[in-house]
Amino acid sequence: MINTPIRILVAEFIPSFNKGELAILNGMLKSFEAVGEVEVTIFSFHPETDRARYPHSVKIIDVGYSLYLQRRLHTRSKARALWDSFFAALQHLLFMFLYRILSKKTLKIMDKPLWRIYCEYDVFIICHDEVDCVNGVFLKFSPLYISLLAKTLQKPVVIYANGTTQLTSQIWIWRARTKRLWRILARYILASVDLITVRDEGTLLYFKEISRDKVPIYHTADPAFLLSSALQKRVKEIMLEEKIEKNERLLVGVAITREVLSEAFKNELNPAIRYKKAVKEIARLLDKLIEEFSSTIIFVPHSIEPYGYRDDRIVAKDIYRVMLNQHMTRVITKEYSPEELKGLIGQLDLLISCRVHAAINALSMSIPSCVITRSWDQRANNIIGKMMKQEKWIYNVENLNADKLFALITDLLDSSNEIRKDLPSTVNSVKEKALLNGRLLKALLNSRLKTAG
């Protein structure tokens, strides 16, 4: 019997201003309940920011401090990003080298908190969400050297509910003619980790192809499906604060991103002009929804990351400025927790979203959703389309046209009663798959304890 908490290190960064990422983190914690009592620590470059937004049970390790790196990841030049990644990898390799010679005495030489946590924790988790299993995120190639470090320390390492797409089949920096090298490194990592769970069928097939079907890979689901909603009392308070009335008018939530809109109108070479044209098209769509269905439009910011192209509030304001029916539109600018946003989305009649995790929130609350996506981005097709059986309501932004999108949404509204009736059973099935991540982790840890015993 295990009498002490299992110590789990989430060895990568989860940006706390992105509420979809926070929903994943909350879902991961929910799935860890299958393991029993746990102590969870996560990497952070912005400990003050993250500590205020992460769940209180999560501990934070200041990786920038431990690795002598600057903290502002998103404002780095390419040269600085390359140096940070190289310097972090070099320190990990040095620690591995010294540990093979000196064992835990290495901590007297490399005495920063990160190295002690590596030695003390029971399992490392890498590659959540769509984190590339070779390139990693922010600190490039981190999955590679963290998995090597885990072997040196004889600790299990787990790829957890990953959703990699084929677009990542390139080595960061070079980006050209490196697909074969990426696949070799990916095959090595898949073969070296102790457990692989993937959140969708597309990733399952892709990883099986890379590993030549020689590695056990488990098809689970995105942990974000396990996120709880805020209490109804709190949701009512938010609606009052935001002046949103639940009446006979159709409540339409909107979560639009600059990244997606910038890929509309491909005949236009300038991304800024593509974005402006797409903004006008979305504004025209929303005006039609107001005029034809007496709708109230509510812009729901699912990411407020502090740089323009990732802040949904900036996109919402851009669209709002060119709308004709601004009086029937609410632009939410205040920051809310993932649970609060889910509760608010649960009050809607319909969600139009470029953000997959906003759509996950909606569908989890039986709210019909139209997802606007890019043709190369398979997340919506795999998770919302195949897993949630909502293929019909996925719209490729390359074909953006307000009239065609309005026609699709009209069909969605006509089908909404049937969708609401079918969603609960589908959601329950997907939640069970999401919980499977934790049960598989428990089985791995139990098997290692038996082997050690």
Protein backbone atom coordinates (compact mmCIF):
# COMPACT_ATOMS: atom_id res chain seq x y z
CA MET A 1 0.00 0.00 0.00
CA ILE A 2 1.27 3.48 -0.89
CA ASN A 3 1.32 5.72 2.20
CA THR A 4 2.96 8.79 0.69
CA PRO A 5 1.69 10.94 -2.20
CA ILE A 6 2.79 10.03 -5.70
CA ARG A 7 4.84 12.98 -6.91
CA ILE A 8 4.04 13.91 -10.51
CA LEU A 9 6.14 16.42 -12.46
CA VAL A 10 4.44 18.02 -15.48
CA ALA A 11 7.71 18.81 -17.22
CA GLU A 12 6.53 21.52 -19.59
CA PHE A 13 4.75 24.86 -19.67
CA ILE A 14 0.99 25.42 -19.57
CA PRO A 15 0.22 29.12 -20.23
CA SER A 16 -2.25 30.24 -17.58
CA PHE A 17 -3.69 33.09 -19.68
CA ASN A 18 -4.92 30.46 -22.16
CA LYS A 19 -8.10 29.08 -20.60
CA GLY A 20 -8.13 26.06 -22.91
CA GLU A 21 -4.70 25.08 -21.59
CA LEU A 22 -5.90 25.65 -18.03
CA ALA A 23 -8.91 23.44 -18.76
CA ILE A 24 -6.48 20.70 -19.79
CA LEU A 25 -4.50 21.15 -16.57
CA ASN A 26 -7.66 20.95 -14.47
CA GLY A 27 -8.69 17.83 -16.37
CA MET A 28 -5.26 16.27 -15.84
CA LEU A 29 -5.61 16.83 -12.09
CA LYS A 30 -9.04 15.19 -12.22
CA SER A 31 -7.59 12.18 -14.04
CA PHE A 32 -4.77 11.91 -11.49
CA GLU A 33 -7.37 11.09 -8.83
CA ALA A 34 -7.26 7.52 -10.14
CA VAL A 35 -3.66 7.31 -8.87
CA GLY A 36 -4.65 8.23 -5.30
CA GLU A 37 -3.03 10.98 -3.29
CA VAL A 38 -0.69 13.00 -5.51
CA GLU A 39 1.62 15.97 -5.34
CA VAL A 40 1.83 17.79 -8.68
CA THR A 41 4.51 20.27 -9.74
CA ILE A 42 4.58 22.06 -13.09
CA PHE A 43 7.19 24.05 -15.00
CA SER A 44 6.76 27.83 -15.03
CA PHE A 45 8.59 30.78 -16.52
CA HIS A 46 6.14 33.22 -14.94
CA PRO A 47 5.59 31.94 -11.39
CA GLU A 48 3.82 35.06 -10.11
CA THR A 49 1.36 35.03 -13.02
CA ASP A 50 0.80 31.28 -12.95
CA ARG A 51 0.47 30.93 -9.18
CA ALA A 52 -2.51 33.28 -9.22
CA ARG A 53 -4.28 31.23 -11.93
CA TYR A 54 -3.29 27.59 -11.48
CA PRO A 55 -5.34 25.38 -9.15
CA HIS A 56 -4.17 25.86 -5.56
CA SER A 57 -3.08 22.22 -5.25
CA VAL A 58 -0.44 22.62 -7.98
CA LYS A 59 3.12 23.52 -7.04
CA ILE A 60 5.32 25.57 -9.36
CA ILE A 61 8.99 25.25 -10.24
CA ASP A 62 10.61 28.40 -11.59
CA VAL A 63 12.50 26.93 -14.54
CA GLY A 64 13.90 30.27 -15.66
CA TYR A 65 15.61 30.70 -12.30
CA SER A 66 16.94 27.13 -12.18
CA LEU A 67 18.29 27.24 -15.74
CA TYR A 68 19.60 30.84 -15.67
CA LEU A 69 17.22 31.89 -18.44
CA GLN A 70 15.23 35.05 -19.06
CA ARG A 71 11.53 34.68 -18.41
CA ARG A 72 9.79 36.48 -21.26
CA LEU A 73 9.46 33.56 -23.65
CA HIS A 74 7.20 35.22 -26.18
CA THR A 75 9.27 38.33 -26.76
CA ARG A 76 12.54 36.57 -27.47
CA SER A 77 14.35 36.95 -30.75
CA LYS A 78 14.99 33.75 -32.71
CA ALA A 79 18.64 33.94 -31.74
CA ARG A 80 17.77 34.22 -28.06
CA ALA A 81 15.27 31.38 -28.32
CA LEU A 82 17.94 29.21 -29.93
CA TRP A 83 20.43 30.08 -27.21
CA ASP A 84 17.94 29.40 -24.39
CA SER A 85 17.06 26.01 -25.86
CA PHE A 86 20.72 25.08 -26.39
CA PHE A 87 21.73 26.26 -22.91
CA ALA A 88 18.87 24.35 -21.23
CA ALA A 89 19.73 21.17 -23.13
CA LEU A 90 23.43 21.55 -22.29
CA GLN A 91 22.66 21.82 -18.56
CA HIS A 92 20.48 18.71 -18.68
CA LEU A 93 23.17 16.76 -20.47
CA LEU A 94 25.75 17.93 -17.91
CA PHE A 95 23.50 16.85 -15.04
CA MET A 96 23.04 13.41 -16.64
CA PHE A 97 26.80 13.04 -17.08
CA LEU A 98 27.56 14.02 -13.49
CA TYR A 99 24.75 11.89 -12.09
CA ARG A 100 26.14 8.77 -13.72
CA ILE A 101 29.40 9.44 -11.91
CA LEU A 102 28.35 11.01 -8.61
CA SER A 103 24.71 9.94 -8.21
CA LYS A 104 22.82 12.28 -5.83
CA LYS A 105 26.03 14.00 -4.83
CA THR A 106 25.54 15.86 -8.11
CA LEU A 107 22.99 18.02 -6.25
CA LYS A 108 25.86 19.57 -4.30
CA ILE A 109 27.28 20.87 -7.59
CA MET A 110 24.07 21.65 -9.48
CA ASP A 111 21.96 22.79 -6.56
CA LYS A 112 19.04 24.65 -8.17
CA PRO A 113 15.51 23.46 -7.21
CA LEU A 114 14.79 21.92 -10.63
CA TRP A 115 17.48 19.25 -10.26
CA ARG A 116 16.28 18.26 -6.80
CA ILE A 117 12.71 17.90 -8.08
CA TYR A 118 13.89 15.69 -10.95
CA CYS A 119 15.54 13.42 -8.40
CA GLU A 120 12.69 13.40 -5.88
CA TYR A 121 9.63 13.01 -8.09
CA ASP A 122 8.13 9.67 -9.08
CA VAL A 123 7.00 10.23 -12.68
CA PHE A 124 7.51 12.83 -15.43
CA ILE A 125 4.72 13.86 -17.80
CA ILE A 126 5.56 15.39 -21.17
CA CYS A 127 3.75 16.31 -24.40
CA HIS A 128 0.29 17.28 -23.20
CA ASP A 129 -2.17 18.85 -25.66
CA GLU A 130 -0.54 19.20 -29.11
CA VAL A 131 3.04 19.60 -27.84
CA ASP A 132 5.40 18.19 -30.46
CA CYS A 133 7.07 15.03 -29.14
CA VAL A 134 10.41 16.09 -30.67
CA ASN A 135 10.44 19.88 -30.72
CA GLY A 136 8.61 20.46 -27.44
CA VAL A 137 7.47 24.00 -26.69
CA PHE A 138 9.43 27.14 -25.73
CA LEU A 139 12.54 25.11 -24.78
CA LYS A 140 13.05 23.16 -27.95
CA PHE A 141 13.89 19.45 -27.91
CA SER A 142 12.93 19.25 -24.22
CA PRO A 143 10.96 15.98 -24.65
CA LEU A 144 14.13 14.39 -25.99
CA TYR A 145 16.48 15.32 -23.16
CA ILE A 146 13.86 14.96 -20.42
CA SER A 147 13.14 11.39 -21.53
CA LEU A 148 16.91 10.73 -21.53
CA LEU A 149 17.16 12.22 -18.04
CA ALA A 150 14.29 10.04 -16.85
CA LYS A 151 16.19 6.94 -17.96
CA THR A 152 19.30 8.15 -16.14
CA LEU A 153 17.29 8.65 -12.94
CA GLN A 154 15.30 5.44 -13.51
CA LYS A 155 12.02 7.34 -13.45
CA PRO A 156 9.03 6.61 -15.69
CA VAL A 157 8.13 9.24 -18.29
CA VAL A 158 4.69 9.51 -19.87
CA ILE A 159 3.35 11.17 -23.02
CA TYR A 160 -0.06 12.26 -21.73
CA ALA A 161 -3.15 12.73 -23.91
CA ASN A 162 -1.14 14.08 -26.83
CA GLY A 163 -2.66 15.38 -30.06
CA THR A 164 0.19 15.82 -32.55
CA THR A 165 -0.63 16.49 -36.21
CA GLN A 166 1.49 15.91 -39.28
CA LEU A 167 2.31 19.60 -39.58
CA THR A 168 4.87 19.11 -36.79
CA SER A 169 6.96 16.70 -38.84
CA GLN A 170 9.77 19.20 -39.11
CA ILE A 171 12.72 19.98 -36.91
CA TRP A 172 12.39 23.41 -35.36
CA ILE A 173 14.89 26.00 -36.69
CA TRP A 174 15.63 24.34 -40.01
CA ARG A 175 12.05 23.71 -41.16
CA ALA A 176 13.17 22.31 -44.50
CA ARG A 177 13.85 18.74 -45.61
CA THR A 178 13.95 17.44 -42.04
CA LYS A 179 10.81 15.31 -41.98
CA ARG A 180 12.86 12.10 -42.04
CA LEU A 181 15.07 13.23 -39.14
CA TRP A 182 11.96 14.29 -37.19
CA ARG A 183 10.44 10.85 -37.67
CA ILE A 184 13.65 9.10 -36.54
CA LEU A 185 13.77 11.17 -33.36
CA ALA A 186 10.01 10.77 -32.80
CA ARG A 187 10.35 7.00 -33.21
CA TYR A 188 13.13 6.98 -30.63
CA ILE A 189 11.10 9.00 -28.11
CA LEU A 190 7.97 6.87 -28.60
CA ALA A 191 10.03 3.75 -28.00
CA SER A 192 11.81 5.13 -24.93
CA VAL A 193 8.91 6.47 -22.85
CA ASP A 194 6.99 4.19 -20.47
CA LEU A 195 3.42 5.10 -21.42
CA ILE A 196 1.80 6.87 -24.36
CA THR A 197 -1.79 8.07 -24.35
CA VAL A 198 -3.28 10.06 -27.21
CA ARG A 199 -6.51 12.05 -27.22
CA ASP A 200 -7.78 11.28 -30.71
CA GLU A 201 -7.82 8.62 -33.40
CA GLY A 202 -5.76 10.71 -35.84
CA THR A 203 -2.83 10.95 -33.42
CA LEU A 204 -3.15 7.24 -32.61
CA LEU A 205 -2.79 6.28 -36.28
CA TYR A 206 0.00 8.79 -36.82
CA PHE A 207 2.06 7.59 -33.85
CA LYS A 208 1.50 3.95 -34.83
CA GLU A 209 2.82 4.77 -38.29
CA ILE A 210 5.89 6.53 -36.87
CA SER A 211 6.64 3.75 -34.38
CA ARG A 212 5.96 1.08 -37.04
CA ASP A 213 3.26 -0.28 -34.73
CA LYS A 214 5.89 -1.60 -32.30
CA VAL A 215 4.94 0.57 -29.33
CA PRO A 216 1.75 0.25 -27.22
CA ILE A 217 -0.26 3.45 -27.60
CA TYR A 218 -3.59 4.00 -25.85
CA HIS A 219 -6.47 5.98 -27.33
CA THR A 220 -8.01 8.11 -24.57
CA ALA A 221 -9.49 11.63 -24.78
CA ASP A 222 -8.64 15.24 -24.04
CA PRO A 223 -8.57 15.86 -20.25
CA ALA A 224 -10.37 19.18 -20.83
CA PHE A 225 -13.62 17.20 -21.06
CA LEU A 226 -13.28 16.64 -17.29
CA LEU A 227 -13.36 20.35 -16.42
CA SER A 228 -16.13 21.24 -13.97
CA SER A 229 -18.43 24.20 -14.47
CA ALA A 230 -18.68 27.07 -12.01
CA LEU A 231 -21.66 26.95 -9.66
CA GLN A 232 -24.91 28.31 -11.03
CA LYS A 233 -24.91 31.15 -8.50
CA ARG A 234 -21.54 32.37 -9.78
CA VAL A 235 -22.66 32.07 -13.40
CA LYS A 236 -25.69 34.26 -12.68
CA GLU A 237 -23.39 36.83 -11.06
CA ILE A 238 -21.21 36.89 -14.20
CA MET A 239 -24.21 37.34 -16.48
CA LEU A 240 -25.37 40.24 -14.32
CA GLU A 241 -21.89 41.82 -14.39
CA GLU A 242 -21.69 41.45 -18.18
CA LYS A 243 -25.30 42.60 -18.71
CA ILE A 244 -26.29 39.35 -20.41
CA GLU A 245 -29.99 38.55 -20.14
CA LYS A 246 -31.40 35.06 -20.50
CA ASN A 247 -34.68 35.74 -22.28
CA GLU A 248 -36.44 34.86 -25.53
CA ARG A 249 -33.53 36.22 -27.59
CA LEU A 250 -31.06 33.74 -29.03
CA LEU A 251 -27.75 33.85 -27.12
CA VAL A 252 -24.86 33.26 -29.53
CA GLY A 253 -21.36 32.93 -28.09
CA VAL A 254 -18.35 33.76 -30.27
CA ALA A 255 -14.70 32.80 -29.68
CA ILE A 256 -12.67 33.92 -32.71
CA THR A 257 -8.88 33.94 -33.10
CA ARG A 258 -6.53 36.00 -35.23
CA GLU A 259 -4.51 32.92 -36.23
CA VAL A 260 -7.51 31.29 -37.88
CA LEU A 261 -8.90 34.42 -39.55
CA SER A 262 -5.45 35.21 -40.97
CA GLU A 263 -5.66 32.08 -43.11
CA ALA A 264 -8.83 33.06 -44.94
CA PHE A 265 -8.72 34.50 -48.48
CA LYS A 266 -5.52 32.73 -49.50
CA ASN A 267 -5.40 34.60 -52.82
CA GLU A 268 -4.42 37.66 -50.82
CA LEU A 269 -0.68 37.49 -50.03
CA ASN A 270 -0.67 39.95 -47.12
CA PRO A 271 -1.82 38.23 -43.86
CA ALA A 272 -2.88 41.56 -42.36
CA ILE A 273 -5.21 42.24 -45.28
CA ARG A 274 -6.53 38.66 -45.12
CA TYR A 275 -7.32 39.22 -41.44
CA LYS A 276 -9.15 42.51 -42.09
CA LYS A 277 -11.26 40.94 -44.83
CA ALA A 278 -12.08 37.98 -42.57
CA VAL A 279 -13.05 40.34 -39.73
CA LYS A 280 -15.56 42.06 -42.03
CA GLU A 281 -16.97 38.69 -43.12
CA ILE A 282 -17.47 37.52 -39.52
CA ALA A 283 -19.07 40.88 -38.66
CA ARG A 284 -21.47 40.44 -41.58
CA LEU A 285 -22.32 36.93 -40.35
CA LEU A 286 -23.05 38.14 -36.82
CA ASP A 287 -25.18 41.02 -38.08
CA LYS A 288 -27.25 38.53 -40.09
CA LEU A 289 -27.73 36.37 -37.00
CA ILE A 290 -28.93 39.41 -35.06
CA GLU A 291 -31.30 40.54 -37.81
CA GLU A 292 -32.70 37.13 -38.79
CA PHE A 293 -32.90 35.42 -35.38
CA SER A 294 -33.11 38.33 -32.92
CA SER A 295 -29.79 37.18 -31.48
CA THR A 296 -27.60 38.65 -28.77
CA ILE A 297 -23.93 38.17 -29.61
CA ILE A 298 -21.50 37.49 -26.76
CA PHE A 299 -17.75 37.48 -27.41
CA VAL A 300 -16.22 34.96 -25.00
CA PRO A 301 -12.42 35.40 -24.61
CA HIS A 302 -10.96 31.91 -24.23
CA SER A 303 -7.39 33.15 -24.40
CA ILE A 304 -6.05 36.48 -23.15
CA GLU A 305 -2.36 35.72 -23.55
CA PRO A 306 -0.55 39.08 -23.36
CA TYR A 307 0.53 39.42 -26.95
CA GLY A 308 -1.82 40.64 -29.63
CA TYR A 309 -2.19 37.67 -31.93
CA ARG A 310 -3.27 35.40 -29.02
CA ASP A 311 -5.67 37.73 -27.21
CA ASP A 312 -9.26 36.97 -28.20
CA ARG A 313 -10.44 40.31 -26.79
CA ILE A 314 -8.51 42.24 -29.45
CA VAL A 315 -10.11 40.19 -32.23
CA ALA A 316 -13.54 40.68 -30.66
CA LYS A 317 -13.07 44.45 -30.62
CA ASP A 318 -11.92 44.43 -34.25
CA ILE A 319 -15.09 42.59 -35.28
CA TYR A 320 -17.31 44.72 -33.04
CA ARG A 321 -16.05 47.95 -34.63
CA VAL A 322 -17.34 46.98 -38.07
CA MET A 323 -20.65 45.46 -36.94
CA LEU A 324 -23.85 47.34 -37.68
CA ASN A 325 -25.77 45.98 -34.67
CA GLN A 326 -23.38 46.82 -31.89
CA HIS A 327 -26.28 47.46 -29.49
CA MET A 328 -27.04 43.71 -29.49
CA THR A 329 -23.42 42.69 -28.87
CA ARG A 330 -21.49 42.12 -25.65
CA VAL A 331 -17.68 42.09 -25.71
CA ILE A 332 -16.35 40.47 -22.55
CA THR A 333 -12.97 41.92 -21.60
CA LYS A 334 -12.71 40.76 -17.99
CA GLU A 335 -10.65 37.65 -17.20
CA TYR A 336 -12.59 34.62 -15.99
CA SER A 337 -11.45 31.18 -14.89
CA PRO A 338 -11.98 28.14 -17.16
CA GLU A 339 -14.77 26.94 -14.86
CA GLU A 340 -16.51 30.32 -15.04
CA LEU A 341 -16.22 30.43 -18.82
CA LYS A 342 -17.65 26.92 -19.07
CA GLY A 343 -20.56 27.90 -16.86
CA LEU A 344 -21.21 30.99 -18.98
CA ILE A 345 -21.00 29.02 -22.23
CA GLY A 346 -23.54 26.62 -20.73
CA GLN A 347 -26.11 29.47 -20.78
CA LEU A 348 -25.80 29.94 -24.55
CA ASP A 349 -28.03 28.65 -27.31
CA LEU A 350 -25.13 28.33 -29.76
CA LEU A 351 -21.34 28.75 -29.89
CA ILE A 352 -19.30 29.79 -32.93
CA SER A 353 -15.66 29.12 -32.16
CA CYS A 354 -12.20 28.99 -33.62
CA ARG A 355 -10.96 27.53 -30.31
CA VAL A 356 -11.32 23.79 -29.93
CA HIS A 357 -11.39 23.91 -26.14
CA ALA A 358 -14.15 26.51 -26.10
CA ALA A 359 -16.13 24.09 -28.29
CA ILE A 360 -15.27 21.25 -25.90
CA ASN A 361 -16.72 23.34 -23.06
CA ALA A 362 -19.87 24.01 -25.06
CA LEU A 363 -20.47 20.44 -26.19
CA SER A 364 -19.79 19.19 -22.66
CA MET A 365 -22.71 21.43 -21.61
CA SER A 366 -24.88 20.20 -24.53
CA ILE A 367 -24.56 23.49 -26.42
CA PRO A 368 -24.56 23.09 -30.25
CA SER A 369 -21.34 24.44 -31.74
CA CYS A 370 -19.94 25.47 -35.09
CA VAL A 371 -16.14 25.29 -35.23
CA ILE A 372 -14.24 27.41 -37.74
CA THR A 373 -10.86 25.84 -38.41
CA ARG A 374 -7.95 25.59 -40.82
CA SER A 375 -7.90 22.62 -43.19
CA TRP A 376 -4.43 21.52 -42.06
CA ASP A 377 -5.30 21.67 -38.35
CA GLN A 378 -6.78 18.27 -37.55
CA ARG A 379 -7.70 18.98 -33.91
CA ALA A 380 -11.24 20.07 -34.71
CA ASN A 381 -11.82 17.20 -37.14
CA ASN A 382 -10.41 14.58 -34.76
CA ILE A 383 -11.86 15.79 -31.45
CA ILE A 384 -15.01 17.73 -32.35
CA GLY A 385 -15.76 15.93 -35.60
CA LYS A 386 -14.97 12.25 -35.10
CA MET A 387 -15.00 11.88 -31.31
CA MET A 388 -17.99 14.15 -30.63
CA LYS A 389 -19.75 13.21 -33.90
CA GLN A 390 -20.09 16.83 -35.00
CA GLU A 391 -18.38 16.63 -38.40
CA LYS A 392 -21.19 18.46 -40.16
CA TRP A 393 -20.65 21.61 -38.11
CA ILE A 394 -16.95 22.14 -38.88
CA TYR A 395 -16.24 24.95 -41.33
CA ASN A 396 -12.89 25.55 -43.05
CA VAL A 397 -11.82 29.20 -42.85
CA GLU A 398 -10.18 29.01 -46.28
CA ASN A 399 -13.74 29.03 -47.66
CA LEU A 400 -14.91 31.88 -45.43
CA ASN A 401 -18.10 33.42 -46.73
CA ALA A 402 -20.69 34.99 -44.45
CA ASP A 403 -23.66 33.73 -46.47
CA LYS A 404 -22.45 30.12 -46.63
CA LEU A 405 -21.52 30.12 -42.95
CA PHE A 406 -24.90 31.63 -42.09
CA ALA A 407 -26.61 28.82 -44.02
CA LEU A 408 -24.60 26.22 -42.07
CA ILE A 409 -25.47 27.85 -38.74
CA THR A 410 -29.14 28.01 -39.74
CA ASP A 411 -29.02 24.25 -40.31
CA LEU A 412 -27.28 23.84 -36.96
CA LEU A 413 -30.06 25.77 -35.21
CA ASP A 414 -32.68 23.63 -36.96
CA SER A 415 -30.89 20.52 -35.67
CA SER A 416 -30.18 21.87 -32.20
CA ASN A 417 -32.88 19.91 -30.34
CA GLU A 418 -31.64 16.61 -31.74
CA ILE A 419 -28.00 17.57 -31.01
CA ARG A 420 -28.85 18.47 -27.40
CA LYS A 421 -30.63 15.12 -27.00
CA ASP A 422 -27.68 13.08 -28.34
CA LEU A 423 -24.77 14.95 -26.74
CA PRO A 424 -25.04 13.76 -23.09
CA SER A 425 -24.39 10.09 -23.90
CA THR A 426 -21.51 11.02 -26.21
CA VAL A 427 -20.01 13.34 -23.59
CA ASN A 428 -20.24 10.65 -20.88
CA SER A 429 -18.43 8.19 -23.14
CA VAL A 430 -15.68 10.71 -23.91
CA LYS A 431 -15.28 11.58 -20.21
CA GLU A 432 -14.68 7.91 -19.45
CA LYS A 433 -11.95 7.88 -22.08
CA ALA A 434 -10.42 11.02 -20.54
CA LEU A 435 -10.38 9.33 -17.11
CA LEU A 436 -8.61 6.38 -18.71
CA ASN A 437 -5.46 8.54 -18.85
CA GLY A 438 -5.27 8.42 -15.07
CA ARG A 439 -6.12 4.73 -14.78
CA LEU A 440 -3.35 3.86 -17.23
CA LEU A 441 -0.93 6.03 -15.25
CA LYS A 442 -1.92 4.21 -12.06
CA ALA A 443 -1.36 0.83 -13.72
CA LEU A 444 2.11 1.92 -14.85
CA LEU A 445 3.10 3.11 -11.37
CA ASN A 446 1.72 -0.02 -9.73
CA SER A 447 3.64 -2.25 -12.11
CA ARG A 448 6.88 -0.41 -11.34
CA LEU A 449 6.25 -0.68 -7.61
CA LYS A 450 5.76 -4.43 -7.94
CA THR A 451 8.95 -4.71 -9.97
CA ALA A 452 10.87 -2.64 -7.40
CA GLY A 453 9.41 -4.72 -4.57
